[in-house]
Amino acid sequence: MKNKKMRIWEDLPIGRKILLAFAITSFAMFIMNLFMYWQVNKTIKKIDQIYASNVNLNNLEDAFSSVQEDMYAYLTVKSSSSLENYYRSEQIYRDKLEQLNNRITDNEMLLLEKNIREMSETYLIVSGQAVQAKRGRNVEKYKEAYEETLDLYEYINSCIYELNNLHFGNNASSYVVLTKSLRLMEILSSLILVIITFLNCIVLTVISRNIASPLARLSESAVLVGEGNFDVEIPQIYTQDEVGVVTKAFNKMVHSLKIHMEKTKESMEKERKMKERELLMETHLKDAQLKYLQAQINPHFLFNSLNAGAQLAMMEDAEQTCLFIESMADFFRYNVKKVSESSTLREELDVVDNYIYILNVRFAGDIHFNKSVDERVLDQKMPSMLLQPIVENAVNHGIRNVEWEGKIHLEVKKDGDYVRIRVADNGRGMTMERIAEVLEGKIKEKQKNSSGVAMTNVIHRLELYYERKDLLSIHSEGLNKGTEVIVLLPIQKKNNRYKQKN
């Protein structure tokens, strides 16, 4: 009976032997992984839910800040868009307030939620009164209402902050427990995996010993055949598994290999040539696709579209729209053509004029800009796209959103062997620490509303162009006292070839 069972085992295909040998361990591994997966997901969901309350409170605080900011924007600007933003923010904040508790309870956090909800309702009523007073041009009333909203805003914010801290304290202890259980499951999973792997290695060793001997003989004979000895014949193996079948087929193959050797070589040579031809065709196809995609992103399409829009505006007697589109086209064309070339001071000033014009169209003439230029130095060579980023920095980080009338002055004059360019604003100013960070190139974040050319890039390109590090300086007397950027262009190096770093 035992020999019959062994015979059945020997006649089984090798794949089935391996499948049967690994079936139990694989099934155990599957069950273990399924259980651990379920437990880990369950734990992760609990972890995600722990800080959901903090996330909701942060969203509530952001929505509350948006209401205050949009109300202030309408009170200061009084535009239809700012009014729409206020009502939109108010509705979002009301929706989020619905998630807070409104029942009387002795729970500290729920009671604090109820207080926030009730105070927020009062705040929204007062803010609505301020907006209505502004719309009715009742200056005293909306100022009084606005001052009251400020007090409510600070008080509600403090309550939200206190509630957030309470939730965070409660959630932290739960988080620690869940992370410990998650680590324990990881360790347990790793331990079971090591045990199952060890058992699989044992099974694999036993199976390999049963099939390694005939395969070793087969491999030795195959080596001899590979060396050109076609008189080799492997002793017959009477098992019906793959090894026995391969042995019989190997013997037959050796007898017929001499006849078919040349045909096989010819067939392989033809196949190799076909493969090379297919690879060559595939390479050509990819090159064609790449050229097609490159053609699709041709920047001239943008310029032609802008010029077409300018012509259409002119045909419709929209002169201001035509001038705006032409300025946009000139600005982008200069960016594309001059990004890696030298330019003249005249061209750089034209780009600044276009940029200021575009901003004044966007912001209804709020950018107060003037310049004084020594026309003797207009043909001075310099790195391209140098002045516009400096002026842009003065707009975005100097005079934008200041409470007083922001002004920018650009001065260009000859100063000995240099052309001295000065860009000054009366905006927010800079601290000495901030100036040092900019000059040392430590400001790397992408600036909002920027063309992508940062002050660090301007400084670096100046150094590359003139091979000096003392050509740009920044001065400011402190916060809210304005900023002054001075650039010195050596006249004797105006023909230097510009090598912009990619």
Protein backbone atom coordinates (compact mmCIF):
# COMPACT_ATOMS: atom_id res chain seq x y z
CA MET A 1 0.00 0.00 0.00
CA LYS A 2 2.83 2.31 0.86
CA ASN A 3 4.68 1.55 -2.40
CA LYS A 4 1.47 2.22 -4.35
CA LYS A 5 1.13 5.61 -2.71
CA MET A 6 4.78 6.41 -3.46
CA ARG A 7 4.24 5.37 -7.07
CA ILE A 8 1.28 7.68 -7.39
CA TRP A 9 3.38 10.50 -5.92
CA GLU A 10 6.27 9.84 -8.33
CA ASP A 11 3.95 9.84 -11.37
CA LEU A 12 2.44 13.18 -10.45
CA PRO A 13 3.62 16.16 -12.52
CA ILE A 14 6.22 18.30 -10.79
CA GLY A 15 3.93 21.32 -10.82
CA ARG A 16 1.21 19.36 -9.04
CA LYS A 17 3.72 18.06 -6.51
CA ILE A 18 4.80 21.58 -5.71
CA LEU A 19 1.19 22.74 -5.67
CA LEU A 20 0.16 20.05 -3.21
CA ALA A 21 3.22 20.62 -1.04
CA PHE A 22 2.59 24.32 -0.77
CA ALA A 23 -1.21 24.18 -0.66
CA ILE A 24 -1.51 23.91 3.10
CA THR A 25 1.18 26.50 3.92
CA SER A 26 -0.10 28.87 1.24
CA PHE A 27 -3.65 28.54 2.50
CA ALA A 28 -2.45 29.22 6.03
CA MET A 29 -0.53 32.26 4.79
CA PHE A 30 -3.60 33.48 2.93
CA ILE A 31 -5.82 33.16 5.99
CA MET A 32 -3.20 34.86 8.13
CA ASN A 33 -2.75 37.73 5.67
CA LEU A 34 -6.50 38.11 5.29
CA PHE A 35 -6.95 38.29 9.04
CA MET A 36 -4.04 40.71 9.48
CA TYR A 37 -5.29 42.82 6.57
CA TRP A 38 -8.70 43.05 8.19
CA GLN A 39 -7.22 43.94 11.55
CA VAL A 40 -4.80 46.52 10.10
CA ASN A 41 -7.53 48.19 8.05
CA LYS A 42 -9.80 48.23 11.06
CA THR A 43 -7.07 49.85 13.13
CA ILE A 44 -6.19 52.35 10.42
CA LYS A 45 -9.82 53.38 10.10
CA LYS A 46 -9.94 53.94 13.84
CA ILE A 47 -6.75 56.02 13.64
CA ASP A 48 -8.24 58.08 10.81
CA GLN A 49 -11.40 58.62 12.84
CA ILE A 50 -9.46 59.72 15.92
CA TYR A 51 -8.41 63.07 14.53
CA ALA A 52 -11.54 63.62 12.42
CA SER A 53 -12.84 65.97 15.10
CA ASN A 54 -9.65 68.06 14.91
CA VAL A 55 -9.86 68.16 11.12
CA ASN A 56 -13.51 69.28 11.30
CA LEU A 57 -12.62 72.02 13.77
CA ASN A 58 -9.77 73.20 11.53
CA ASN A 59 -12.17 73.32 8.59
CA LEU A 60 -14.65 75.24 10.76
CA GLU A 61 -11.93 77.72 11.72
CA ASP A 62 -10.91 78.17 8.06
CA ALA A 63 -14.54 78.76 7.03
CA PHE A 64 -14.94 81.26 9.88
CA SER A 65 -11.80 83.13 8.79
CA SER A 66 -13.10 83.23 5.21
CA VAL A 67 -16.33 84.90 6.40
CA GLN A 68 -14.37 87.57 8.29
CA GLU A 69 -11.93 88.17 5.40
CA ASP A 70 -14.67 88.34 2.75
CA MET A 71 -16.74 90.71 4.92
CA TYR A 72 -13.69 92.96 5.39
CA ALA A 73 -12.98 92.81 1.65
CA TYR A 74 -16.54 93.98 0.88
CA LEU A 75 -16.44 96.73 3.48
CA THR A 76 -13.19 98.07 2.03
CA VAL A 77 -13.80 97.49 -1.69
CA LYS A 78 -17.61 97.17 -2.03
CA SER A 79 -17.64 95.12 -5.23
CA SER A 80 -20.23 92.61 -6.37
CA SER A 81 -17.66 89.83 -6.45
CA SER A 82 -16.58 90.46 -2.84
CA LEU A 83 -20.24 90.50 -1.76
CA GLU A 84 -20.83 87.17 -3.50
CA ASN A 85 -17.74 85.75 -1.80
CA TYR A 86 -19.08 86.89 1.58
CA TYR A 87 -22.47 85.24 1.11
CA ARG A 88 -20.81 82.06 -0.17
CA SER A 89 -18.45 81.93 2.82
CA GLU A 90 -21.36 82.67 5.20
CA GLN A 91 -23.36 79.73 3.81
CA ILE A 92 -20.39 77.36 4.07
CA TYR A 93 -19.84 78.43 7.67
CA ARG A 94 -23.53 77.94 8.50
CA ASP A 95 -23.40 74.43 7.03
CA LYS A 96 -20.42 73.55 9.19
CA LEU A 97 -22.12 75.00 12.30
CA GLU A 98 -24.92 72.45 11.83
CA GLN A 99 -22.42 69.73 12.79
CA LEU A 100 -21.91 71.24 16.26
CA ASN A 101 -23.91 70.31 19.34
CA ASN A 102 -26.91 72.50 20.18
CA ARG A 103 -28.26 70.57 23.16
CA ILE A 104 -27.84 71.41 26.84
CA THR A 105 -25.37 69.01 28.45
CA ASP A 106 -22.84 68.78 31.25
CA ASN A 107 -20.09 67.52 28.91
CA GLU A 108 -17.39 70.19 28.69
CA MET A 109 -16.62 69.74 24.98
CA LEU A 110 -20.28 69.51 23.90
CA LEU A 111 -21.09 72.57 26.02
CA LEU A 112 -18.23 74.45 24.36
CA GLU A 113 -19.57 73.40 20.92
CA LYS A 114 -23.00 74.76 21.88
CA ASN A 115 -21.42 78.04 22.99
CA ILE A 116 -19.49 78.35 19.70
CA ARG A 117 -22.64 77.67 17.70
CA GLU A 118 -24.71 80.26 19.55
CA MET A 119 -21.97 82.92 19.46
CA SER A 120 -21.47 82.23 15.73
CA GLU A 121 -25.17 82.85 15.09
CA THR A 122 -24.81 86.19 16.86
CA TYR A 123 -21.65 86.93 14.84
CA LEU A 124 -23.41 86.17 11.52
CA ILE A 125 -26.29 88.46 12.46
CA VAL A 126 -23.92 91.33 13.29
CA SER A 127 -21.78 90.74 10.17
CA GLY A 128 -24.96 90.77 8.07
CA GLN A 129 -25.89 94.10 9.66
CA ALA A 130 -22.47 95.48 8.77
CA VAL A 131 -22.85 94.39 5.14
CA GLN A 132 -26.36 95.85 4.91
CA ALA A 133 -25.15 99.10 6.44
CA LYS A 134 -22.34 99.25 3.91
CA ARG A 135 -24.79 98.66 1.09
CA GLY A 136 -26.96 101.46 2.52
CA ARG A 137 -23.85 103.71 2.89
CA ASN A 138 -24.44 104.07 6.62
CA VAL A 139 -20.79 104.58 7.58
CA GLU A 140 -21.23 104.89 11.33
CA LYS A 141 -23.43 101.81 11.57
CA TYR A 142 -21.25 99.50 9.54
CA LYS A 143 -18.11 100.65 11.37
CA GLU A 144 -19.80 99.98 14.71
CA ALA A 145 -21.01 96.57 13.50
CA TYR A 146 -17.57 95.74 12.13
CA GLU A 147 -15.89 96.51 15.48
CA GLU A 148 -18.42 94.23 17.20
CA THR A 149 -17.68 91.43 14.71
CA LEU A 150 -13.97 91.76 15.48
CA ASP A 151 -14.61 91.18 19.20
CA LEU A 152 -16.87 88.21 18.44
CA TYR A 153 -14.38 86.86 15.93
CA GLU A 154 -11.54 86.84 18.48
CA TYR A 155 -13.73 85.28 21.18
CA ILE A 156 -15.11 82.53 18.90
CA ASN A 157 -11.63 81.78 17.57
CA SER A 158 -10.35 81.35 21.13
CA CYS A 159 -13.25 78.97 21.87
CA ILE A 160 -12.53 76.92 18.73
CA TYR A 161 -8.85 76.79 19.72
CA GLU A 162 -9.74 75.62 23.24
CA LEU A 163 -12.14 72.97 21.88
CA ASN A 164 -9.51 71.79 19.40
CA ASN A 165 -7.00 71.34 22.23
CA LEU A 166 -9.52 69.36 24.29
CA HIS A 167 -10.24 67.05 21.35
CA PHE A 168 -6.53 66.70 20.63
CA GLY A 169 -5.80 65.68 24.22
CA ASN A 170 -8.51 63.02 24.19
CA ASN A 171 -7.48 61.76 20.78
CA ALA A 172 -3.78 61.55 21.60
CA SER A 173 -4.20 58.79 24.20
CA SER A 174 -6.41 56.76 21.83
CA TYR A 175 -3.87 57.23 19.08
CA VAL A 176 -1.05 55.88 21.24
CA VAL A 177 -3.05 52.74 22.09
CA LEU A 178 -3.98 52.08 18.46
CA THR A 179 -0.43 52.61 17.19
CA LYS A 180 0.88 50.15 19.78
CA SER A 181 -1.68 47.54 18.71
CA LEU A 182 -0.75 48.18 15.08
CA ARG A 183 2.94 47.61 15.85
CA LEU A 184 2.04 44.42 17.72
CA MET A 185 0.12 43.15 14.68
CA GLU A 186 3.07 44.00 12.45
CA ILE A 187 5.42 42.01 14.68
CA LEU A 188 3.00 39.09 14.84
CA SER A 189 2.53 39.13 11.07
CA SER A 190 6.28 39.18 10.48
CA LEU A 191 6.79 36.28 12.92
CA ILE A 192 4.13 34.12 11.25
CA LEU A 193 5.57 34.97 7.85
CA VAL A 194 9.04 33.86 8.96
CA ILE A 195 7.65 30.57 10.31
CA ILE A 196 5.71 29.80 7.13
CA THR A 197 8.74 30.73 5.01
CA PHE A 198 10.89 28.35 7.06
CA LEU A 199 8.38 25.52 6.55
CA ASN A 200 8.24 26.24 2.83
CA CYS A 201 12.03 26.02 2.65
CA ILE A 202 11.94 22.60 4.30
CA VAL A 203 9.29 21.34 1.86
CA LEU A 204 11.19 22.79 -1.08
CA THR A 205 14.38 21.03 0.03
CA VAL A 206 12.63 17.65 0.19
CA ILE A 207 11.05 18.04 -3.25
CA SER A 208 14.26 19.30 -4.82
CA ARG A 209 16.16 16.23 -3.61
CA ASN A 210 13.64 13.94 -5.33
CA ILE A 211 13.97 15.67 -8.69
CA ALA A 212 17.54 17.05 -8.52
CA SER A 213 19.34 13.79 -9.32
CA PRO A 214 17.71 13.06 -12.71
CA LEU A 215 17.84 16.73 -13.61
CA ALA A 216 21.55 16.77 -12.81
CA ARG A 217 22.14 13.90 -15.21
CA LEU A 218 20.04 15.64 -17.80
CA SER A 219 22.01 18.84 -17.40
CA GLU A 220 25.35 17.02 -17.74
CA SER A 221 24.18 15.40 -20.97
CA ALA A 222 22.88 18.75 -22.21
CA VAL A 223 26.33 20.27 -21.62
CA LEU A 224 27.93 17.52 -23.71
CA VAL A 225 25.40 18.05 -26.49
CA GLY A 226 26.09 21.75 -26.31
CA GLU A 227 29.77 21.00 -26.88
CA GLY A 228 28.89 19.11 -30.07
CA ASN A 229 28.74 15.53 -28.74
CA PHE A 230 25.51 14.12 -30.23
CA ASP A 231 26.24 10.51 -29.22
CA VAL A 232 25.06 11.08 -25.65
CA GLU A 233 22.06 9.14 -24.41
CA ILE A 234 20.53 9.45 -20.94
CA PRO A 235 19.52 6.22 -19.14
CA GLN A 236 15.78 5.68 -19.30
CA ILE A 237 13.62 7.00 -16.44
CA TYR A 238 10.26 5.28 -16.07
CA THR A 239 8.42 7.89 -14.06
CA GLN A 240 5.60 9.70 -15.81
CA ASP A 241 6.36 13.17 -14.49
CA GLU A 242 8.00 15.95 -16.45
CA VAL A 243 11.52 14.63 -15.79
CA GLY A 244 10.70 11.26 -17.35
CA VAL A 245 8.98 12.88 -20.32
CA VAL A 246 11.84 15.32 -20.84
CA THR A 247 14.40 12.50 -20.69
CA LYS A 248 12.65 10.56 -23.44
CA ALA A 249 12.20 13.66 -25.53
CA PHE A 250 15.87 14.57 -24.99
CA ASN A 251 17.04 11.25 -26.40
CA LYS A 252 14.84 11.70 -29.46
CA MET A 253 16.02 15.25 -29.86
CA VAL A 254 19.68 14.25 -29.87
CA HIS A 255 19.08 11.81 -32.72
CA SER A 256 17.32 14.38 -34.86
CA LEU A 257 19.42 17.37 -33.87
CA LYS A 258 22.12 16.75 -36.46
CA ILE A 259 19.61 16.88 -39.32
CA HIS A 260 17.85 20.00 -38.12
CA MET A 261 20.87 22.00 -36.91
CA GLU A 262 21.35 23.97 -40.07
CA LYS A 263 17.65 24.63 -40.49
CA THR A 264 17.47 25.85 -36.92
CA LYS A 265 20.38 28.25 -37.49
CA GLU A 266 18.74 29.64 -40.62
CA SER A 267 15.43 30.05 -38.79
CA MET A 268 17.10 31.85 -35.87
CA GLU A 269 18.94 34.17 -38.24
CA LYS A 270 15.69 35.09 -40.00
CA GLU A 271 13.96 35.66 -36.68
CA ARG A 272 16.81 37.89 -35.48
CA LYS A 273 16.57 40.05 -38.59
CA MET A 274 12.81 40.34 -38.18
CA LYS A 275 13.26 41.42 -34.55
CA GLU A 276 15.78 44.08 -35.55
CA ARG A 277 13.42 45.34 -38.24
CA GLU A 278 10.54 45.53 -35.76
CA LEU A 279 12.67 47.41 -33.21
CA LEU A 280 13.80 49.87 -35.89
CA MET A 281 10.20 50.50 -36.95
CA GLU A 282 9.16 50.97 -33.32
CA THR A 283 11.96 53.51 -32.78
CA HIS A 284 10.93 55.48 -35.86
CA LEU A 285 7.32 55.44 -34.72
CA LYS A 286 8.26 56.83 -31.28
CA ASP A 287 10.38 59.57 -32.91
CA ALA A 288 7.46 60.53 -35.12
CA GLN A 289 5.10 60.63 -32.13
CA LEU A 290 7.55 62.81 -30.18
CA LYS A 291 7.90 65.27 -33.07
CA TYR A 292 4.13 65.39 -33.38
CA LEU A 293 3.72 66.22 -29.69
CA GLN A 294 6.46 68.85 -29.90
CA ALA A 295 4.70 70.46 -32.83
CA GLN A 296 1.48 70.57 -30.83
CA ILE A 297 3.03 72.69 -28.09
CA ASN A 298 4.59 75.26 -30.43
CA PRO A 299 4.42 78.60 -28.57
CA HIS A 300 3.67 80.44 -31.81
CA PHE A 301 0.16 79.02 -31.57
CA LEU A 302 -0.29 81.06 -28.39
CA PHE A 303 1.04 84.24 -29.99
CA ASN A 304 -1.08 83.79 -33.12
CA SER A 305 -4.16 83.24 -30.96
CA LEU A 306 -3.46 86.40 -28.93
CA ASN A 307 -2.87 88.42 -32.11
CA ALA A 308 -6.13 87.10 -33.54
CA GLY A 309 -7.90 88.17 -30.35
CA ALA A 310 -6.35 91.64 -30.63
CA GLN A 311 -7.51 91.99 -34.23
CA LEU A 312 -11.00 90.90 -33.26
CA ALA A 313 -11.10 93.44 -30.43
CA MET A 314 -9.95 96.16 -32.84
CA MET A 315 -12.68 95.21 -35.33
CA GLU A 316 -15.23 95.52 -32.52
CA ASP A 317 -13.84 98.96 -31.49
CA ALA A 318 -12.65 97.57 -28.16
CA GLU A 319 -9.43 99.56 -28.07
CA GLN A 320 -8.60 98.90 -24.42
CA THR A 321 -9.13 95.15 -24.89
CA CYS A 322 -6.97 95.22 -28.02
CA LEU A 323 -4.18 97.08 -26.16
CA PHE A 324 -4.40 94.62 -23.25
CA ILE A 325 -4.15 91.53 -25.52
CA GLU A 326 -1.24 93.05 -27.46
CA SER A 327 0.57 93.75 -24.18
CA MET A 328 -0.02 90.15 -23.07
CA ALA A 329 1.32 88.84 -26.40
CA ASP A 330 4.44 91.03 -26.19
CA PHE A 331 5.02 89.94 -22.59
CA PHE A 332 4.81 86.19 -23.35
CA ARG A 333 6.76 86.50 -26.61
CA TYR A 334 9.59 88.21 -24.74
CA ASN A 335 9.56 85.46 -22.07
CA VAL A 336 9.84 82.72 -24.71
CA LYS A 337 12.41 84.38 -26.98
CA LYS A 338 14.62 86.03 -24.38
CA VAL A 339 14.69 83.48 -21.57
CA SER A 340 18.19 82.25 -22.49
CA GLU A 341 19.53 85.36 -24.33
CA SER A 342 20.97 88.73 -23.49
CA SER A 343 18.76 91.76 -23.94
CA THR A 344 19.05 95.53 -23.74
CA LEU A 345 17.94 97.80 -20.95
CA ARG A 346 15.40 99.32 -23.35
CA GLU A 347 13.77 95.90 -23.92
CA GLU A 348 13.70 95.16 -20.19
CA LEU A 349 11.97 98.49 -19.48
CA ASP A 350 9.39 97.74 -22.18
CA VAL A 351 8.63 94.42 -20.49
CA VAL A 352 8.18 96.22 -17.15
CA ASP A 353 5.79 98.70 -18.77
CA ASN A 354 3.77 95.83 -20.27
CA TYR A 355 3.71 94.04 -16.92
CA ILE A 356 2.50 97.15 -15.03
CA TYR A 357 -0.12 97.78 -17.69
CA ILE A 358 -1.43 94.20 -17.40
CA LEU A 359 -1.58 94.48 -13.59
CA ASN A 360 -3.44 97.77 -13.74
CA VAL A 361 -6.01 96.22 -16.05
CA ARG A 362 -6.43 93.35 -13.58
CA PHE A 363 -6.53 95.51 -10.47
CA ALA A 364 -8.34 98.59 -11.80
CA GLY A 365 -5.31 100.89 -11.79
CA ASP A 366 -4.26 100.24 -8.18
CA ILE A 367 -0.56 99.89 -9.12
CA HIS A 368 1.02 103.37 -8.85
CA PHE A 369 4.25 103.15 -10.84
CA ASN A 370 6.62 105.81 -12.17
CA LYS A 371 10.14 105.78 -13.56
CA SER A 372 12.99 108.09 -14.41
CA VAL A 373 15.45 106.81 -17.02
CA ASP A 374 18.73 108.15 -18.39
CA GLU A 375 18.24 107.52 -22.12
CA ARG A 376 22.00 107.38 -22.71
CA VAL A 377 22.17 103.88 -21.23
CA LEU A 378 19.13 102.31 -22.91
CA ASP A 379 21.32 100.20 -25.25
CA GLN A 380 23.26 98.66 -22.37
CA LYS A 381 23.42 94.83 -22.64
CA MET A 382 22.19 92.84 -19.63
CA PRO A 383 20.67 89.45 -18.68
CA SER A 384 17.12 89.02 -19.94
CA MET A 385 14.09 88.87 -17.61
CA LEU A 386 15.93 90.74 -14.83
CA LEU A 387 13.89 93.86 -14.08
CA GLN A 388 10.37 92.41 -14.35
CA PRO A 389 10.87 89.87 -11.49
CA ILE A 390 12.22 92.66 -9.25
CA VAL A 391 9.23 94.91 -9.99
CA GLU A 392 6.92 91.92 -9.58
CA ASN A 393 8.45 91.21 -6.18
CA ALA A 394 7.84 94.85 -5.19
CA VAL A 395 4.19 94.51 -6.19
CA ASN A 396 3.42 91.11 -4.61
CA HIS A 397 5.50 91.41 -1.45
CA GLY A 398 5.72 95.18 -1.09
CA ILE A 399 2.61 97.20 -1.87
CA ARG A 400 -0.02 94.50 -2.37
CA ASN A 401 -2.79 94.67 0.27
CA VAL A 402 -1.22 97.53 2.25
CA GLU A 403 -3.59 99.94 3.97
CA TRP A 404 -2.01 103.00 2.38
CA GLU A 405 -1.48 103.97 -1.25
CA GLY A 406 1.34 101.79 -2.54
CA LYS A 407 3.88 103.30 -4.91
CA ILE A 408 6.79 101.90 -6.92
CA HIS A 409 9.56 104.03 -8.40
CA LEU A 410 12.12 102.75 -10.93
CA GLU A 411 15.22 104.84 -11.52
CA VAL A 412 17.93 104.18 -14.15
CA LYS A 413 21.03 106.35 -14.42
CA LYS A 414 24.73 106.14 -15.19
CA ASP A 415 26.96 106.01 -12.12
CA GLY A 416 30.61 106.01 -13.13
CA ASP A 417 31.48 102.69 -14.75
CA TYR A 418 28.06 101.27 -13.87
CA VAL A 419 24.45 101.62 -14.83
CA ARG A 420 22.61 102.00 -11.53
CA ILE A 421 19.06 100.58 -11.43
CA ARG A 422 16.97 101.33 -8.36
CA VAL A 423 13.52 99.83 -7.67
CA ALA A 424 11.91 101.32 -4.53
CA ASP A 425 8.50 100.85 -2.95
CA ASN A 426 6.75 102.23 0.13
CA GLY A 427 5.28 98.85 1.06
CA ARG A 428 5.61 96.36 3.87
CA GLY A 429 9.39 96.47 4.08
CA MET A 430 11.76 93.69 5.20
CA THR A 431 13.68 92.71 8.28
CA MET A 432 17.45 92.32 8.17
CA GLU A 433 17.02 88.56 8.64
CA ARG A 434 14.69 88.32 5.64
CA ILE A 435 17.08 90.36 3.48
CA ALA A 436 19.92 88.02 4.43
CA GLU A 437 17.83 84.96 3.50
CA VAL A 438 17.04 86.40 0.05
CA LEU A 439 20.65 87.40 -0.70
CA GLU A 440 21.95 84.01 0.47
CA GLY A 441 19.45 82.15 -1.74
CA LYS A 442 17.55 80.47 1.09
CA ILE A 443 14.10 81.39 -0.27
CA LYS A 444 13.13 78.47 -2.49
CA GLU A 445 9.34 78.24 -2.20
CA LYS A 446 7.28 79.07 -5.30
CA GLN A 447 5.91 82.60 -4.95
CA LYS A 448 2.19 83.13 -5.36
CA ASN A 449 1.12 85.26 -8.39
CA SER A 450 4.64 85.05 -9.75
CA SER A 451 5.94 84.43 -13.26
CA GLY A 452 8.20 81.76 -11.78
CA VAL A 453 11.43 83.81 -11.84
CA ALA A 454 12.35 84.38 -8.21
CA MET A 455 14.79 86.87 -6.70
CA THR A 456 17.21 84.00 -6.04
CA ASN A 457 17.24 83.25 -9.77
CA VAL A 458 17.83 86.93 -10.58
CA ILE A 459 20.84 87.07 -8.25
CA HIS A 460 22.23 83.83 -9.64
CA ARG A 461 21.92 84.96 -13.26
CA LEU A 462 23.63 88.28 -12.45
CA GLU A 463 26.55 86.33 -10.98
CA LEU A 464 26.76 84.08 -14.05
CA TYR A 465 26.55 86.96 -16.51
CA TYR A 466 29.11 89.28 -14.87
CA GLU A 467 31.06 86.69 -12.80
CA ARG A 468 30.62 88.84 -9.69
CA LYS A 469 28.57 88.58 -6.50
CA ASP A 470 28.25 92.23 -5.42
CA LEU A 471 25.90 93.63 -8.06
CA LEU A 472 22.54 93.40 -6.21
CA SER A 473 21.71 94.82 -2.81
CA ILE A 474 18.50 95.17 -0.80
CA HIS A 475 17.80 97.92 1.74
CA SER A 476 14.90 98.46 4.14
CA GLU A 477 14.51 100.40 7.35
CA GLY A 478 12.14 97.77 8.73
CA LEU A 479 8.56 96.57 8.51
CA ASN A 480 6.07 98.96 6.85
CA LYS A 481 8.92 101.26 5.80
CA GLY A 482 9.37 100.17 2.21
CA THR A 483 12.09 98.29 0.36
CA GLU A 484 14.79 99.37 -2.08
CA VAL A 485 16.56 97.01 -4.53
CA ILE A 486 19.69 98.33 -6.28
CA VAL A 487 21.30 96.60 -9.28
CA LEU A 488 24.66 97.69 -10.71
CA LEU A 489 25.42 96.77 -14.34
CA PRO A 490 29.14 97.11 -15.24
CA ILE A 491 29.33 99.05 -18.51
CA GLN A 492 32.65 97.54 -19.53
CA LYS A 493 31.08 94.04 -19.66
CA LYS A 494 28.01 94.88 -21.67
CA ASN A 495 29.08 92.57 -24.53
CA ASN A 496 29.68 89.59 -22.28
CA ARG A 497 28.06 86.42 -23.56
CA TYR A 498 25.26 85.32 -21.26
CA LYS A 499 25.22 81.67 -20.23
CA GLN A 500 22.10 81.06 -18.29
CA LYS A 501 22.04 78.04 -16.08
CA ASN A 502 19.18 75.65 -16.89
